[in-house]
PDB file of N, CA and C in Angstrom:
ATOM      1  N   MET A   1       0.840  -1.158   0.000  1.00  0.00           N
ATOM      2  CA  MET A   1       0.000   0.000   0.000  1.00  0.00           C
ATOM      3  C   MET A   1       0.901   1.243   0.000  1.00  0.00           C
ATOM      4  N   PRO A   2       0.644   2.181  -0.959  1.00  0.00           N
ATOM      5  CA  PRO A   2       1.477   3.367  -1.037  1.00  0.00           C
ATOM      6  C   PRO A   2       1.195   4.310   0.144  1.00  0.00           C
ATOM      7  N   LEU A   3       2.250   4.996   0.605  1.00  0.00           N
ATOM      8  CA  LEU A   3       2.147   5.938   1.721  1.00  0.00           C
ATOM      9  C   LEU A   3       1.648   7.284   1.196  1.00  0.00           C
ATOM     10  N   LYS A   4       0.540   7.762   1.734  1.00  0.00           N
ATOM     11  CA  LYS A   4      -0.013   9.046   1.314  1.00  0.00           C
ATOM     12  C   LYS A   4       0.347  10.107   2.347  1.00  0.00           C
ATOM     13  N   SER A   5       0.749  11.255   1.869  1.00  0.00           N
ATOM     14  CA  SER A   5       1.060  12.350   2.793  1.00  0.00           C
ATOM     15  C   SER A   5       0.140  13.524   2.510  1.00  0.00           C
ATOM     16  N   GLY A   6      -0.071  14.366   3.508  1.00  0.00           N
ATOM     17  CA  GLY A   6      -0.931  15.536   3.333  1.00  0.00           C
ATOM     18  C   GLY A   6      -2.135  15.456   4.247  1.00  0.00           C
ATOM     19  N   PHE A   7      -3.010  16.422   4.088  1.00  0.00           N
ATOM     20  CA  PHE A   7      -4.208  16.513   4.920  1.00  0.00           C
ATOM     21  C   PHE A   7      -5.435  16.203   4.086  1.00  0.00           C
ATOM     22  N   THR A   8      -6.433  15.687   4.768  1.00  0.00           N
ATOM     23  CA  THR A   8      -7.695  15.455   4.075  1.00  0.00           C
ATOM     24  C   THR A   8      -8.498  16.750   4.068  1.00  0.00           C
ATOM     25  N   LEU A   9      -9.499  16.811   3.221  1.00  0.00           N
ATOM     26  CA  LEU A   9     -10.337  17.994   3.124  1.00  0.00           C
ATOM     27  C   LEU A   9     -11.061  18.260   4.437  1.00  0.00           C
ATOM     28  N   LEU A  10     -11.475  17.228   5.109  1.00  0.00           N
ATOM     29  CA  LEU A  10     -12.172  17.381   6.384  1.00  0.00           C
ATOM     30  C   LEU A  10     -11.248  17.993   7.440  1.00  0.00           C
ATOM     31  N   GLU A  11     -10.015  17.551   7.503  1.00  0.00           N
ATOM     32  CA  GLU A  11      -9.064  18.110   8.462  1.00  0.00           C
ATOM     33  C   GLU A  11      -8.821  19.598   8.189  1.00  0.00           C
ATOM     34  N   LEU A  12      -8.709  19.958   6.931  1.00  0.00           N
ATOM     35  CA  LEU A  12      -8.510  21.374   6.588  1.00  0.00           C
ATOM     36  C   LEU A  12      -9.713  22.214   6.965  1.00  0.00           C
ATOM     37  N   LEU A  13     -10.935  21.700   6.723  1.00  0.00           N
ATOM     38  CA  LEU A  13     -12.145  22.433   7.082  1.00  0.00           C
ATOM     39  C   LEU A  13     -12.248  22.623   8.594  1.00  0.00           C
ATOM     40  N   VAL A  14     -11.920  21.615   9.376  1.00  0.00           N
ATOM     41  CA  VAL A  14     -11.969  21.723  10.836  1.00  0.00           C
ATOM     42  C   VAL A  14     -10.942  22.748  11.320  1.00  0.00           C
ATOM     43  N   ALA A  15      -9.743  22.724  10.765  1.00  0.00           N
ATOM     44  CA  ALA A  15      -8.714  23.679  11.170  1.00  0.00           C
ATOM     45  C   ALA A  15      -9.104  25.108  10.799  1.00  0.00           C
ATOM     46  N   MET A  16      -9.679  25.290   9.620  1.00  0.00           N
ATOM     47  CA  MET A  16     -10.096  26.636   9.200  1.00  0.00           C
ATOM     48  C   MET A  16     -11.257  27.138  10.060  1.00  0.00           C
ATOM     49  N   THR A  17     -12.173  26.258  10.441  1.00  0.00           N
ATOM     50  CA  THR A  17     -13.288  26.657  11.302  1.00  0.00           C
ATOM     51  C   THR A  17     -12.778  27.077  12.675  1.00  0.00           C
ATOM     52  N   ALA A  18     -11.862  26.310  13.235  1.00  0.00           N
ATOM     53  CA  ALA A  18     -11.305  26.654  14.539  1.00  0.00           C
ATOM     54  C   ALA A  18     -10.545  27.981  14.476  1.00  0.00           C
ATOM     55  N   ALA A  19      -9.769  28.177  13.429  1.00  0.00           N
ATOM     56  CA  ALA A  19      -9.015  29.422  13.286  1.00  0.00           C
ATOM     57  C   ALA A  19      -9.946  30.621  13.119  1.00  0.00           C
ATOM     58  N   SER A  20     -11.040  30.452  12.374  1.00  0.00           N
ATOM     59  CA  SER A  20     -11.964  31.570  12.183  1.00  0.00           C
ATOM     60  C   SER A  20     -12.694  31.908  13.483  1.00  0.00           C
ATOM     61  N   ILE A  21     -13.019  30.923  14.295  1.00  0.00           N
ATOM     62  CA  ILE A  21     -13.658  31.187  15.588  1.00  0.00           C
ATOM     63  C   ILE A  21     -12.708  31.961  16.499  1.00  0.00           C
ATOM     64  N   VAL A  22     -11.462  31.562  16.543  1.00  0.00           N
ATOM     65  CA  VAL A  22     -10.473  32.269  17.358  1.00  0.00           C
ATOM     66  C   VAL A  22     -10.282  33.695  16.849  1.00  0.00           C
ATOM     67  N   ALA A  23     -10.209  33.875  15.543  1.00  0.00           N
ATOM     68  CA  ALA A  23     -10.008  35.208  14.967  1.00  0.00           C
ATOM     69  C   ALA A  23     -11.203  36.121  15.236  1.00  0.00           C
ATOM     70  N   LEU A  24     -12.409  35.606  15.101  1.00  0.00           N
ATOM     71  CA  LEU A  24     -13.602  36.418  15.355  1.00  0.00           C
ATOM     72  C   LEU A  24     -13.719  36.813  16.815  1.00  0.00           C
ATOM     73  N   SER A  25     -13.384  35.914  17.724  1.00  0.00           N
ATOM     74  CA  SER A  25     -13.455  36.262  19.147  1.00  0.00           C
ATOM     75  C   SER A  25     -12.379  37.292  19.500  1.00  0.00           C
ATOM     76  N   ALA A  26     -11.198  37.178  18.912  1.00  0.00           N
ATOM     77  CA  ALA A  26     -10.148  38.169  19.153  1.00  0.00           C
ATOM     78  C   ALA A  26     -10.553  39.529  18.588  1.00  0.00           C
ATOM     79  N   TYR A  27     -11.180  39.538  17.420  1.00  0.00           N
ATOM     80  CA  TYR A  27     -11.633  40.785  16.805  1.00  0.00           C
ATOM     81  C   TYR A  27     -12.692  41.464  17.680  1.00  0.00           C
ATOM     82  N   ALA A  28     -13.628  40.687  18.201  1.00  0.00           N
ATOM     83  CA  ALA A  28     -14.673  41.253  19.066  1.00  0.00           C
ATOM     84  C   ALA A  28     -14.065  41.811  20.345  1.00  0.00           C
ATOM     85  N   PHE A  29     -13.123  41.093  20.919  1.00  0.00           N
ATOM     86  CA  PHE A  29     -12.474  41.543  22.151  1.00  0.00           C
ATOM     87  C   PHE A  29     -11.691  42.828  21.912  1.00  0.00           C
ATOM     88  N   LEU A  30     -10.916  42.873  20.835  1.00  0.00           N
ATOM     89  CA  LEU A  30     -10.125  44.065  20.550  1.00  0.00           C
ATOM     90  C   LEU A  30     -11.010  45.246  20.168  1.00  0.00           C
ATOM     91  N   GLY A  31     -12.099  45.004  19.447  1.00  0.00           N
ATOM     92  CA  GLY A  31     -13.023  46.078  19.096  1.00  0.00           C
ATOM     93  C   GLY A  31     -13.638  46.705  20.328  1.00  0.00           C
ATOM     94  N   GLN A  32     -13.982  45.881  21.306  1.00  0.00           N
ATOM     95  CA  GLN A  32     -14.543  46.402  22.549  1.00  0.00           C
ATOM     96  C   GLN A  32     -13.501  47.223  23.301  1.00  0.00           C
ATOM     97  N   ASN A  33     -12.254  46.777  23.314  1.00  0.00           N
ATOM     98  CA  ASN A  33     -11.202  47.527  23.993  1.00  0.00           C
ATOM     99  C   ASN A  33     -10.941  48.866  23.310  1.00  0.00           C
ATOM    100  N   VAL A  34     -10.996  48.915  21.996  1.00  0.00           N
ATOM    101  CA  VAL A  34     -10.778  50.170  21.278  1.00  0.00           C
ATOM    102  C   VAL A  34     -11.890  51.161  21.609  1.00  0.00           C
ATOM    103  N   ARG A  35     -13.129  50.702  21.649  1.00  0.00           N
ATOM    104  CA  ARG A  35     -14.242  51.588  22.009  1.00  0.00           C
ATOM    105  C   ARG A  35     -14.072  52.109  23.432  1.00  0.00           C
ATOM    106  N   SER A  36     -13.689  51.251  24.363  1.00  0.00           N
ATOM    107  CA  SER A  36     -13.469  51.678  25.750  1.00  0.00           C
ATOM    108  C   SER A  36     -12.328  52.682  25.824  1.00  0.00           C
ATOM    109  N   TYR A  37     -11.270  52.435  25.075  1.00  0.00           N
ATOM    110  CA  TYR A  37     -10.130  53.345  25.064  1.00  0.00           C
ATOM    111  C   TYR A  37     -10.540  54.719  24.542  1.00  0.00           C
ATOM    112  N   ASN A  38     -11.339  54.756  23.488  1.00  0.00           N
ATOM    113  CA  ASN A  38     -11.772  56.044  22.939  1.00  0.00           C
ATOM    114  C   ASN A  38     -12.637  56.809  23.924  1.00  0.00           C
ATOM    115  N   VAL A  39     -13.482  56.118  24.672  1.00  0.00           N
ATOM    116  CA  VAL A  39     -14.310  56.789  25.680  1.00  0.00           C
ATOM    117  C   VAL A  39     -13.428  57.363  26.781  1.00  0.00           C
ATOM    118  N   VAL A  40     -12.486  56.578  27.266  1.00  0.00           N
ATOM    119  CA  VAL A  40     -11.595  57.053  28.331  1.00  0.00           C
ATOM    120  C   VAL A  40     -10.721  58.191  27.828  1.00  0.00           C
ATOM    121  N   LEU A  41     -10.200  58.063  26.631  1.00  0.00           N
ATOM    122  CA  LEU A  41      -9.344  59.113  26.074  1.00  0.00           C
ATOM    123  C   LEU A  41     -10.116  60.410  25.918  1.00  0.00           C
ATOM    124  N   GLY A  42     -11.365  60.332  25.484  1.00  0.00           N
ATOM    125  CA  GLY A  42     -12.177  61.533  25.337  1.00  0.00           C
ATOM    126  C   GLY A  42     -12.419  62.216  26.667  1.00  0.00           C
ATOM    127  N   SER A  43     -12.678  61.442  27.715  1.00  0.00           N
ATOM    128  CA  SER A  43     -12.916  62.056  29.027  1.00  0.00           C
ATOM    129  C   SER A  43     -11.639  62.674  29.566  1.00  0.00           C
ATOM    130  N   TYR A  44     -10.487  62.038  29.355  1.00  0.00           N
ATOM    131  CA  TYR A  44      -9.223  62.629  29.794  1.00  0.00           C
ATOM    132  C   TYR A  44      -8.923  63.917  29.032  1.00  0.00           C
ATOM    133  N   ALA A  45      -9.230  63.935  27.742  1.00  0.00           N
ATOM    134  CA  ALA A  45      -8.985  65.136  26.948  1.00  0.00           C
ATOM    135  C   ALA A  45      -9.858  66.284  27.446  1.00  0.00           C
ATOM    136  N   ASP A  46     -11.118  65.996  27.778  1.00  0.00           N
ATOM    137  CA  ASP A  46     -12.005  67.032  28.297  1.00  0.00           C
ATOM    138  C   ASP A  46     -11.513  67.549  29.646  1.00  0.00           C
ATOM    139  N   GLU A  47     -11.103  66.637  30.517  1.00  0.00           N
ATOM    140  CA  GLU A  47     -10.600  67.046  31.832  1.00  0.00           C
ATOM    141  C   GLU A  47      -9.314  67.856  31.690  1.00  0.00           C
ATOM    142  N   SER A  48      -8.437  67.441  30.789  1.00  0.00           N
ATOM    143  CA  SER A  48      -7.180  68.164  30.588  1.00  0.00           C
ATOM    144  C   SER A  48      -7.441  69.564  30.052  1.00  0.00           C
ATOM    145  N   ALA A  49      -8.349  69.687  29.109  1.00  0.00           N
ATOM    146  CA  ALA A  49      -8.660  71.004  28.555  1.00  0.00           C
ATOM    147  C   ALA A  49      -9.243  71.915  29.627  1.00  0.00           C
ATOM    148  N   ALA A  50     -10.123  71.392  30.482  1.00  0.00           N
ATOM    149  CA  ALA A  50     -10.698  72.198  31.564  1.00  0.00           C
ATOM    150  C   ALA A  50      -9.621  72.620  32.549  1.00  0.00           C
ATOM    151  N   LEU A  51      -8.709  71.725  32.862  1.00  0.00           N
ATOM    152  CA  LEU A  51      -7.622  72.058  33.786  1.00  0.00           C
ATOM    153  C   LEU A  51      -6.714  73.130  33.198  1.00  0.00           C
ATOM    154  N   ILE A  52      -6.395  73.020  31.934  1.00  0.00           N
ATOM    155  CA  ILE A  52      -5.542  74.026  31.287  1.00  0.00           C
ATOM    156  C   ILE A  52      -6.231  75.376  31.276  1.00  0.00           C
ATOM    157  N   ARG A  53      -7.529  75.407  30.998  1.00  0.00           N
ATOM    158  CA  ARG A  53      -8.265  76.678  31.025  1.00  0.00           C
ATOM    159  C   ARG A  53      -8.242  77.301  32.418  1.00  0.00           C
ATOM    160  N   ARG A  54      -8.435  76.483  33.471  1.00  0.00           N
ATOM    161  CA  ARG A  54      -8.402  77.017  34.841  1.00  0.00           C
ATOM    162  C   ARG A  54      -7.033  77.572  35.183  1.00  0.00           C
ATOM    163  N   VAL A  55      -5.984  76.877  34.790  1.00  0.00           N
ATOM    164  CA  VAL A  55      -4.618  77.353  35.067  1.00  0.00           C
ATOM    165  C   VAL A  55      -4.364  78.668  34.335  1.00  0.00           C
ATOM    166  N   GLN A  56      -4.785  78.758  33.085  1.00  0.00           N
ATOM    167  CA  GLN A  56      -4.590  79.997  32.331  1.00  0.00           C
ATOM    168  C   GLN A  56      -5.358  81.155  32.950  1.00  0.00           C
ATOM    169  N   GLU A  57      -6.594  80.910  33.382  1.00  0.00           N
ATOM    170  CA  GLU A  57      -7.373  81.975  34.017  1.00  0.00           C
ATOM    171  C   GLU A  57      -6.721  82.434  35.310  1.00  0.00           C
ATOM    172  N   THR A  58      -6.207  81.487  36.094  1.00  0.00           N
ATOM    173  CA  THR A  58      -5.531  81.831  37.348  1.00  0.00           C
ATOM    174  C   THR A  58      -4.275  82.651  37.073  1.00  0.00           C
ATOM    175  N   GLN A  59      -3.524  82.257  36.073  1.00  0.00           N
ATOM    176  CA  GLN A  59      -2.312  83.005  35.738  1.00  0.00           C
ATOM    177  C   GLN A  59      -2.651  84.414  35.282  1.00  0.00           C
ATOM    178  N   ARG A  60      -3.713  84.573  34.532  1.00  0.00           N
ATOM    179  CA  ARG A  60      -4.090  85.901  34.065  1.00  0.00           C
ATOM    180  C   ARG A  60      -4.542  86.793  35.216  1.00  0.00           C
ATOM    181  N   LYS A  61      -5.159  86.185  36.245  1.00  0.00           N
ATOM    182  CA  LYS A  61      -5.557  86.961  37.414  1.00  0.00           C
ATOM    183  C   LYS A  61      -4.358  87.351  38.256  1.00  0.00           C
ATOM    184  N   VAL A  62      -3.423  86.423  38.412  1.00  0.00           N
ATOM    185  CA  VAL A  62      -2.249  86.666  39.257  1.00  0.00           C
ATOM    186  C   VAL A  62      -1.247  87.570  38.556  1.00  0.00           C
ATOM    187  N   PHE A  63      -1.046  87.363  37.284  1.00  0.00           N
ATOM    188  CA  PHE A  63      -0.077  88.135  36.508  1.00  0.00           C
ATOM    189  C   PHE A  63      -0.806  88.896  35.402  1.00  0.00           C
ATOM    190  N   PRO A  64      -1.444  90.020  35.716  1.00  0.00           N
ATOM    191  CA  PRO A  64      -2.229  90.713  34.695  1.00  0.00           C
ATOM    192  C   PRO A  64      -1.384  91.347  33.597  1.00  0.00           C
ATOM    193  N   VAL A  65      -0.076  91.453  33.810  1.00  0.00           N
ATOM    194  CA  VAL A  65       0.755  92.078  32.790  1.00  0.00           C
ATOM    195  C   VAL A  65       1.134  91.122  31.680  1.00  0.00           C
ATOM    196  N   LEU A  66       0.866  89.839  31.862  1.00  0.00           N
ATOM    197  CA  LEU A  66       1.200  88.874  30.817  1.00  0.00           C
ATOM    198  C   LEU A  66       0.226  89.018  29.651  1.00  0.00           C
ATOM    199  N   PRO A  67       0.684  88.742  28.443  1.00  0.00           N
ATOM    200  CA  PRO A  67      -0.221  88.825  27.287  1.00  0.00           C
ATOM    201  C   PRO A  67      -1.315  87.773  27.388  1.00  0.00           C
ATOM    202  N   GLN A  68      -2.443  88.057  26.784  1.00  0.00           N
ATOM    203  CA  GLN A  68      -3.572  87.139  26.835  1.00  0.00           C
ATOM    204  C   GLN A  68      -3.296  85.856  26.053  1.00  0.00           C
ATOM    205  N   ASP A  69      -2.656  85.980  24.929  1.00  0.00           N
ATOM    206  CA  ASP A  69      -2.345  84.816  24.110  1.00  0.00           C
ATOM    207  C   ASP A  69      -0.865  84.806  23.793  1.00  0.00           C
ATOM    208  N   VAL A  70      -0.338  83.630  23.659  1.00  0.00           N
ATOM    209  CA  VAL A  70       1.064  83.498  23.297  1.00  0.00           C
ATOM    210  C   VAL A  70       1.218  83.870  21.833  1.00  0.00           C
ATOM    211  N   PRO A  71       2.152  84.770  21.505  1.00  0.00           N
ATOM    212  CA  PRO A  71       2.307  85.142  20.099  1.00  0.00           C
ATOM    213  C   PRO A  71       2.810  83.963  19.279  1.00  0.00           C
ATOM    214  N   LYS A  72       2.413  83.943  18.027  1.00  0.00           N
ATOM    215  CA  LYS A  72       2.854  82.878  17.133  1.00  0.00           C
ATOM    216  C   LYS A  72       4.313  83.092  16.770  1.00  0.00           C
ATOM    217  N   LYS A  73       4.969  81.995  16.483  1.00  0.00           N
ATOM    218  CA  LYS A  73       6.357  82.089  16.053  1.00  0.00           C
ATOM    219  C   LYS A  73       6.411  82.725  14.684  1.00  0.00           C
ATOM    220  N   LYS A  74       7.405  83.571  14.510  1.00  0.00           N
ATOM    221  CA  LYS A  74       7.568  84.168  13.191  1.00  0.00           C
ATOM    222  C   LYS A  74       8.199  83.151  12.254  1.00  0.00           C
ATOM    223  N   LYS A  75       7.821  83.246  11.025  1.00  0.00           N
ATOM    224  CA  LYS A  75       8.405  82.362  10.027  1.00  0.00           C
ATOM    225  C   LYS A  75       9.850  82.758   9.794  1.00  0.00           C
ATOM    226  N   ARG A  76      10.593  81.834   9.330  1.00  0.00           N
ATOM    227  CA  ARG A  76      12.010  82.093   9.104  1.00  0.00           C
ATOM    228  C   ARG A  76      12.199  83.209   8.076  1.00  0.00           C
ATOM    229  N   ALA A  77      11.340  83.254   7.077  1.00  0.00           N
ATOM    230  CA  ALA A  77      11.463  84.281   6.051  1.00  0.00           C
ATOM    231  C   ALA A  77      11.228  85.671   6.648  1.00  0.00           C
ATOM    232  N   ASP A  78      10.370  85.784   7.664  1.00  0.00           N
ATOM    233  CA  ASP A  78      10.108  87.071   8.296  1.00  0.00           C
ATOM    234  C   ASP A  78      11.283  87.534   9.138  1.00  0.00           C
ATOM    235  N   ARG A  79      12.069  86.615   9.644  1.00  0.00           N
ATOM    236  CA  ARG A  79      13.202  86.982  10.491  1.00  0.00           C
ATOM    237  C   ARG A  79      14.431  87.380   9.680  1.00  0.00           C
ATOM    238  N   MET A  80      14.467  86.991   8.434  1.00  0.00           N
ATOM    239  CA  MET A  80      15.646  87.286   7.626  1.00  0.00           C
ATOM    240  C   MET A  80      15.707  88.769   7.299  1.00  0.00           C
ATOM    241  N   ILE A  81      16.886  89.276   7.241  1.00  0.00           N
ATOM    242  CA  ILE A  81      17.072  90.679   6.876  1.00  0.00           C
ATOM    243  C   ILE A  81      17.012  90.773   5.368  1.00  0.00           C
ATOM    244  N   ARG A  82      16.118  91.598   4.903  1.00  0.00           N
ATOM    245  CA  ARG A  82      15.963  91.750   3.454  1.00  0.00           C
ATOM    246  C   ARG A  82      16.670  93.022   3.006  1.00  0.00           C
ATOM    247  N   PRO A  83      17.419  92.948   1.920  1.00  0.00           N
ATOM    248  CA  PRO A  83      18.095  94.155   1.418  1.00  0.00           C
ATOM    249  C   PRO A  83      17.097  95.130   0.821  1.00  0.00           C
ATOM    250  N   ASN A  84      17.391  96.422   0.930  1.00  0.00           N
ATOM    251  CA  ASN A  84      16.489  97.456   0.389  1.00  0.00           C
ATOM    252  C   ASN A  84      16.680  97.655  -1.082  1.00  0.00           C
TER     253      ASN A  84
END
């Protein structure tokens, strides 16, 4: 009797079914974590923005001589000396 090597079609179907179940469960788990992360990140961003606003308001009250907004950086072309 000749020796046959390889997998049968049934073995391949069972392996593919098991792999797809594992992949789908991992996808669902990771999708849920991404949604949770976005919710937490959004709340931290809101809290951080509120904290920064409070700090800026306090600084403006304590140091009234400071400018209201930080001036923008000048472009390099604006800083160069241009010949007349």
